[in-house]
Amino acid sequence: MAAIGDFLTDSENMVEFGARIRSRRLERNVTIEMLGRNTGLNRKTIMELEAGRDVRLTTVIKVFRAMHLLGVLNTALPDTLPGNEALSSRGQPRVRAYRLAAK
């Protein structure tokens, strides 16, 4: 399988994403009909997702949930990122200094 990344077009990334979902489904020995029953999605929608066509985000979430893959999104999208709330080297919240107004 190819890598999903910035060097591919959106269409190529979608095709690869769909192929990976299909691969995971087959590894689990789940038919499209079984996945459809577990998600409430119809066969055509699942086939479109696996073919890399544009589908709704809710479709992807339903499929991920049914295949017990929803947790992997935490790897790609952790709930906290370093930023203004970052801790100092001593483990305390970082405090910004503000300029005093000139008199």
N, C-alpha and C. Protein backbone atom coordinates (compact mmCIF):
# COMPACT_ATOMS: atom_id res chain seq x y z
N MET A 1 0.84 -1.18 0.00
CA MET A 1 0.00 0.00 0.00
C MET A 1 0.88 1.24 0.00
N ALA A 2 0.38 2.25 -0.62
CA ALA A 2 1.10 3.52 -0.67
C ALA A 2 0.89 4.28 0.63
N ALA A 3 1.75 5.22 0.87
CA ALA A 3 1.63 6.06 2.07
C ALA A 3 0.65 7.19 1.79
N ILE A 4 -0.14 7.53 2.80
CA ILE A 4 -1.02 8.68 2.71
C ILE A 4 -0.19 9.89 3.11
N GLY A 5 -0.21 10.94 2.32
CA GLY A 5 0.60 12.09 2.67
C GLY A 5 0.39 13.28 1.78
N ASP A 6 1.11 14.35 2.09
CA ASP A 6 0.99 15.61 1.38
C ASP A 6 1.45 15.53 -0.07
N PHE A 7 2.26 14.54 -0.39
CA PHE A 7 2.80 14.42 -1.74
C PHE A 7 1.80 13.82 -2.72
N LEU A 8 0.67 13.30 -2.21
CA LEU A 8 -0.37 12.75 -3.07
C LEU A 8 -1.48 13.78 -3.25
N THR A 9 -2.23 13.66 -4.32
CA THR A 9 -3.39 14.53 -4.50
C THR A 9 -4.49 14.08 -3.54
N ASP A 10 -5.50 14.92 -3.36
CA ASP A 10 -6.62 14.56 -2.50
C ASP A 10 -7.27 13.27 -2.99
N SER A 11 -7.45 13.15 -4.29
CA SER A 11 -8.08 11.95 -4.85
C SER A 11 -7.26 10.70 -4.57
N GLU A 12 -5.94 10.82 -4.73
CA GLU A 12 -5.07 9.67 -4.46
C GLU A 12 -5.11 9.29 -2.98
N ASN A 13 -5.13 10.27 -2.09
CA ASN A 13 -5.22 9.99 -0.66
C ASN A 13 -6.55 9.32 -0.32
N MET A 14 -7.64 9.77 -0.95
CA MET A 14 -8.94 9.18 -0.69
C MET A 14 -9.00 7.72 -1.16
N VAL A 15 -8.41 7.45 -2.32
CA VAL A 15 -8.38 6.08 -2.83
C VAL A 15 -7.57 5.18 -1.89
N GLU A 16 -6.44 5.68 -1.42
CA GLU A 16 -5.62 4.90 -0.49
C GLU A 16 -6.35 4.68 0.83
N PHE A 17 -7.02 5.72 1.34
CA PHE A 17 -7.79 5.62 2.58
C PHE A 17 -8.87 4.56 2.44
N GLY A 18 -9.60 4.60 1.33
CA GLY A 18 -10.65 3.61 1.08
C GLY A 18 -10.09 2.20 0.99
N ALA A 19 -8.96 2.06 0.34
CA ALA A 19 -8.33 0.74 0.23
C ALA A 19 -7.92 0.21 1.60
N ARG A 20 -7.45 1.08 2.46
CA ARG A 20 -7.07 0.65 3.81
C ARG A 20 -8.28 0.23 4.63
N ILE A 21 -9.38 0.96 4.49
CA ILE A 21 -10.59 0.56 5.20
C ILE A 21 -11.07 -0.80 4.71
N ARG A 22 -11.07 -0.98 3.40
CA ARG A 22 -11.47 -2.28 2.83
C ARG A 22 -10.56 -3.39 3.34
N SER A 23 -9.26 -3.14 3.38
CA SER A 23 -8.31 -4.13 3.87
C SER A 23 -8.60 -4.51 5.32
N ARG A 24 -8.87 -3.50 6.16
CA ARG A 24 -9.18 -3.79 7.57
C ARG A 24 -10.46 -4.59 7.70
N ARG A 25 -11.45 -4.25 6.87
CA ARG A 25 -12.71 -4.99 6.90
C ARG A 25 -12.50 -6.45 6.54
N LEU A 26 -11.72 -6.68 5.48
CA LEU A 26 -11.46 -8.05 5.05
C LEU A 26 -10.60 -8.81 6.06
N GLU A 27 -9.64 -8.14 6.70
CA GLU A 27 -8.84 -8.78 7.75
C GLU A 27 -9.71 -9.30 8.87
N ARG A 28 -10.80 -8.58 9.14
CA ARG A 28 -11.72 -8.95 10.21
C ARG A 28 -12.81 -9.91 9.72
N ASN A 29 -12.74 -10.29 8.45
CA ASN A 29 -13.71 -11.20 7.84
C ASN A 29 -15.14 -10.66 7.97
N VAL A 30 -15.29 -9.37 7.68
CA VAL A 30 -16.59 -8.70 7.75
C VAL A 30 -17.04 -8.40 6.33
N THR A 31 -18.25 -8.82 5.99
CA THR A 31 -18.79 -8.52 4.67
C THR A 31 -19.35 -7.10 4.66
N ILE A 32 -19.58 -6.59 3.45
CA ILE A 32 -20.18 -5.27 3.32
C ILE A 32 -21.58 -5.28 3.95
N GLU A 33 -22.30 -6.39 3.78
CA GLU A 33 -23.64 -6.49 4.36
C GLU A 33 -23.59 -6.44 5.88
N MET A 34 -22.64 -7.14 6.48
CA MET A 34 -22.49 -7.12 7.93
C MET A 34 -22.15 -5.72 8.42
N LEU A 35 -21.22 -5.07 7.72
CA LEU A 35 -20.84 -3.72 8.10
C LEU A 35 -22.02 -2.77 7.95
N GLY A 36 -22.81 -2.97 6.93
CA GLY A 36 -24.01 -2.16 6.72
C GLY A 36 -25.00 -2.32 7.87
N ARG A 37 -25.20 -3.54 8.32
CA ARG A 37 -26.11 -3.77 9.46
C ARG A 37 -25.59 -3.10 10.72
N ASN A 38 -24.27 -3.15 10.93
CA ASN A 38 -23.68 -2.59 12.15
C ASN A 38 -23.63 -1.06 12.14
N THR A 39 -23.66 -0.47 10.96
CA THR A 39 -23.53 0.99 10.85
C THR A 39 -24.83 1.68 10.47
N GLY A 40 -25.76 0.94 9.90
CA GLY A 40 -26.97 1.56 9.38
C GLY A 40 -26.77 2.18 8.00
N LEU A 41 -25.62 1.89 7.39
CA LEU A 41 -25.31 2.41 6.06
C LEU A 41 -25.71 1.40 5.01
N ASN A 42 -26.02 1.87 3.81
CA ASN A 42 -26.35 0.93 2.75
C ASN A 42 -25.07 0.46 2.04
N ARG A 43 -25.21 -0.60 1.30
CA ARG A 43 -24.09 -1.23 0.58
C ARG A 43 -23.36 -0.24 -0.32
N LYS A 44 -24.13 0.57 -1.06
CA LYS A 44 -23.55 1.51 -2.01
C LYS A 44 -22.64 2.52 -1.30
N THR A 45 -23.06 3.02 -0.15
CA THR A 45 -22.27 4.01 0.59
C THR A 45 -20.95 3.41 1.04
N ILE A 46 -20.98 2.19 1.54
CA ILE A 46 -19.75 1.52 1.99
C ILE A 46 -18.83 1.28 0.80
N MET A 47 -19.39 0.87 -0.32
CA MET A 47 -18.58 0.64 -1.51
C MET A 47 -17.96 1.94 -2.01
N GLU A 48 -18.69 3.05 -1.92
CA GLU A 48 -18.15 4.35 -2.33
C GLU A 48 -17.00 4.76 -1.42
N LEU A 49 -17.14 4.54 -0.13
CA LEU A 49 -16.06 4.85 0.81
C LEU A 49 -14.81 4.03 0.48
N GLU A 50 -14.99 2.75 0.26
CA GLU A 50 -13.86 1.88 -0.03
C GLU A 50 -13.24 2.17 -1.40
N ALA A 51 -14.00 2.76 -2.30
CA ALA A 51 -13.49 3.11 -3.62
C ALA A 51 -12.78 4.46 -3.60
N GLY A 52 -12.84 5.16 -2.47
CA GLY A 52 -12.16 6.44 -2.35
C GLY A 52 -12.98 7.61 -2.85
N ARG A 53 -14.28 7.41 -2.94
CA ARG A 53 -15.13 8.51 -3.36
C ARG A 53 -15.47 9.39 -2.17
N ASP A 54 -15.94 10.58 -2.45
CA ASP A 54 -16.25 11.56 -1.41
C ASP A 54 -17.50 11.12 -0.64
N VAL A 55 -17.35 10.90 0.66
CA VAL A 55 -18.48 10.53 1.51
C VAL A 55 -18.50 11.47 2.71
N ARG A 56 -19.58 11.43 3.45
CA ARG A 56 -19.71 12.28 4.62
C ARG A 56 -18.78 11.82 5.74
N LEU A 57 -18.38 12.76 6.56
CA LEU A 57 -17.55 12.43 7.72
C LEU A 57 -18.30 11.49 8.66
N THR A 58 -19.61 11.67 8.80
CA THR A 58 -20.38 10.78 9.67
C THR A 58 -20.32 9.34 9.18
N THR A 59 -20.21 9.14 7.88
CA THR A 59 -20.06 7.79 7.33
C THR A 59 -18.76 7.17 7.80
N VAL A 60 -17.68 7.94 7.73
CA VAL A 60 -16.37 7.44 8.16
C VAL A 60 -16.41 7.11 9.65
N ILE A 61 -17.01 7.98 10.45
CA ILE A 61 -17.08 7.75 11.89
C ILE A 61 -17.89 6.50 12.21
N LYS A 62 -19.01 6.31 11.52
CA LYS A 62 -19.82 5.10 11.74
C LYS A 62 -19.03 3.84 11.41
N VAL A 63 -18.30 3.86 10.30
CA VAL A 63 -17.50 2.69 9.91
C VAL A 63 -16.37 2.46 10.91
N PHE A 64 -15.68 3.52 11.30
CA PHE A 64 -14.60 3.40 12.29
C PHE A 64 -15.14 2.82 13.60
N ARG A 65 -16.30 3.31 14.05
CA ARG A 65 -16.88 2.83 15.30
C ARG A 65 -17.23 1.33 15.20
N ALA A 66 -17.87 0.95 14.11
CA ALA A 66 -18.26 -0.44 13.93
C ALA A 66 -17.06 -1.37 13.85
N MET A 67 -15.93 -0.87 13.33
CA MET A 67 -14.73 -1.70 13.20
C MET A 67 -13.76 -1.50 14.36
N HIS A 68 -14.22 -0.80 15.40
CA HIS A 68 -13.41 -0.54 16.60
C HIS A 68 -12.11 0.16 16.26
N LEU A 69 -12.19 1.14 15.36
CA LEU A 69 -11.02 1.92 14.94
C LEU A 69 -11.12 3.38 15.36
N LEU A 70 -12.20 3.74 16.02
CA LEU A 70 -12.41 5.15 16.36
C LEU A 70 -11.29 5.69 17.24
N GLY A 71 -10.75 4.86 18.11
CA GLY A 71 -9.67 5.29 19.00
C GLY A 71 -8.39 5.67 18.28
N VAL A 72 -8.18 5.17 17.07
CA VAL A 72 -6.94 5.51 16.36
C VAL A 72 -6.90 6.98 15.96
N LEU A 73 -8.06 7.63 15.96
CA LEU A 73 -8.07 9.05 15.64
C LEU A 73 -7.35 9.87 16.71
N ASN A 74 -7.25 9.33 17.92
CA ASN A 74 -6.50 10.02 18.97
C ASN A 74 -5.03 10.16 18.61
N THR A 75 -4.51 9.23 17.86
CA THR A 75 -3.12 9.31 17.42
C THR A 75 -2.93 10.46 16.45
N ALA A 76 -3.85 10.58 15.52
CA ALA A 76 -3.75 11.62 14.50
C ALA A 76 -4.18 12.99 15.03
N LEU A 77 -5.14 12.99 15.94
CA LEU A 77 -5.70 14.24 16.44
C LEU A 77 -5.77 14.22 17.97
N PRO A 78 -4.64 14.33 18.65
CA PRO A 78 -4.69 14.33 20.11
C PRO A 78 -5.46 15.53 20.61
N ASP A 79 -6.06 15.40 21.80
CA ASP A 79 -6.91 16.49 22.29
C ASP A 79 -6.14 17.68 22.84
N THR A 80 -4.87 17.53 23.13
CA THR A 80 -4.07 18.66 23.59
C THR A 80 -2.79 18.75 22.79
N LEU A 81 -2.44 19.93 22.43
CA LEU A 81 -1.20 20.19 21.71
C LEU A 81 -0.45 21.28 22.44
N PRO A 82 0.86 21.27 22.38
CA PRO A 82 1.62 22.35 23.00
C PRO A 82 1.23 23.69 22.39
N GLY A 83 1.21 24.69 23.19
CA GLY A 83 0.86 26.02 22.70
C GLY A 83 0.99 27.01 23.83
N ASN A 84 0.08 27.94 23.91
CA ASN A 84 0.12 28.94 24.96
C ASN A 84 0.01 28.34 26.35
N GLU A 85 -0.58 27.18 26.44
CA GLU A 85 -0.79 26.52 27.72
C GLU A 85 0.39 25.62 28.09
N ALA A 86 1.46 25.66 27.33
CA ALA A 86 2.59 24.77 27.55
C ALA A 86 3.20 25.00 28.93
N LEU A 87 3.76 23.93 29.48
CA LEU A 87 4.40 24.02 30.79
C LEU A 87 5.85 24.45 30.65
N SER A 88 6.34 25.14 31.66
CA SER A 88 7.75 25.52 31.67
C SER A 88 8.58 24.28 31.98
N SER A 89 9.88 24.42 31.94
CA SER A 89 10.77 23.29 32.23
C SER A 89 10.62 22.81 33.68
N ARG A 90 10.05 23.64 34.55
CA ARG A 90 9.83 23.26 35.95
C ARG A 90 8.46 22.65 36.17
N GLY A 91 7.68 22.45 35.11
CA GLY A 91 6.38 21.83 35.24
C GLY A 91 5.27 22.78 35.66
N GLN A 92 5.52 24.06 35.60
CA GLN A 92 4.51 25.05 35.96
C GLN A 92 4.00 25.73 34.69
N PRO A 93 2.77 26.23 34.73
CA PRO A 93 2.27 26.93 33.53
C PRO A 93 3.17 28.10 33.17
N ARG A 94 3.42 28.23 31.89
CA ARG A 94 4.25 29.32 31.40
C ARG A 94 3.50 30.64 31.55
N VAL A 95 4.18 31.66 32.03
CA VAL A 95 3.56 32.97 32.21
C VAL A 95 4.24 33.94 31.26
N ARG A 96 3.43 34.73 30.58
CA ARG A 96 3.97 35.71 29.64
C ARG A 96 4.19 37.05 30.36
N ALA A 97 5.22 37.72 29.97
CA ALA A 97 5.47 39.06 30.48
C ALA A 97 4.77 40.06 29.58
N TYR A 98 4.18 41.07 30.18
CA TYR A 98 3.49 42.10 29.42
C TYR A 98 4.25 43.40 29.54
N ARG A 99 4.24 44.18 28.46
CA ARG A 99 4.90 45.47 28.47
C ARG A 99 4.10 46.47 29.29
N LEU A 100 4.79 47.26 30.04
CA LEU A 100 4.13 48.33 30.76
C LEU A 100 3.93 49.52 29.84
N ALA A 101 2.82 50.19 30.00
CA ALA A 101 2.54 51.36 29.17
C ALA A 101 3.51 52.49 29.53
N ALA A 102 4.01 53.18 28.53
CA ALA A 102 4.95 54.30 28.77
C ALA A 102 4.19 55.45 29.40
N LYS A 103 4.86 56.15 30.35
CA LYS A 103 4.22 57.29 31.03
C LYS A 103 4.58 58.58 30.36
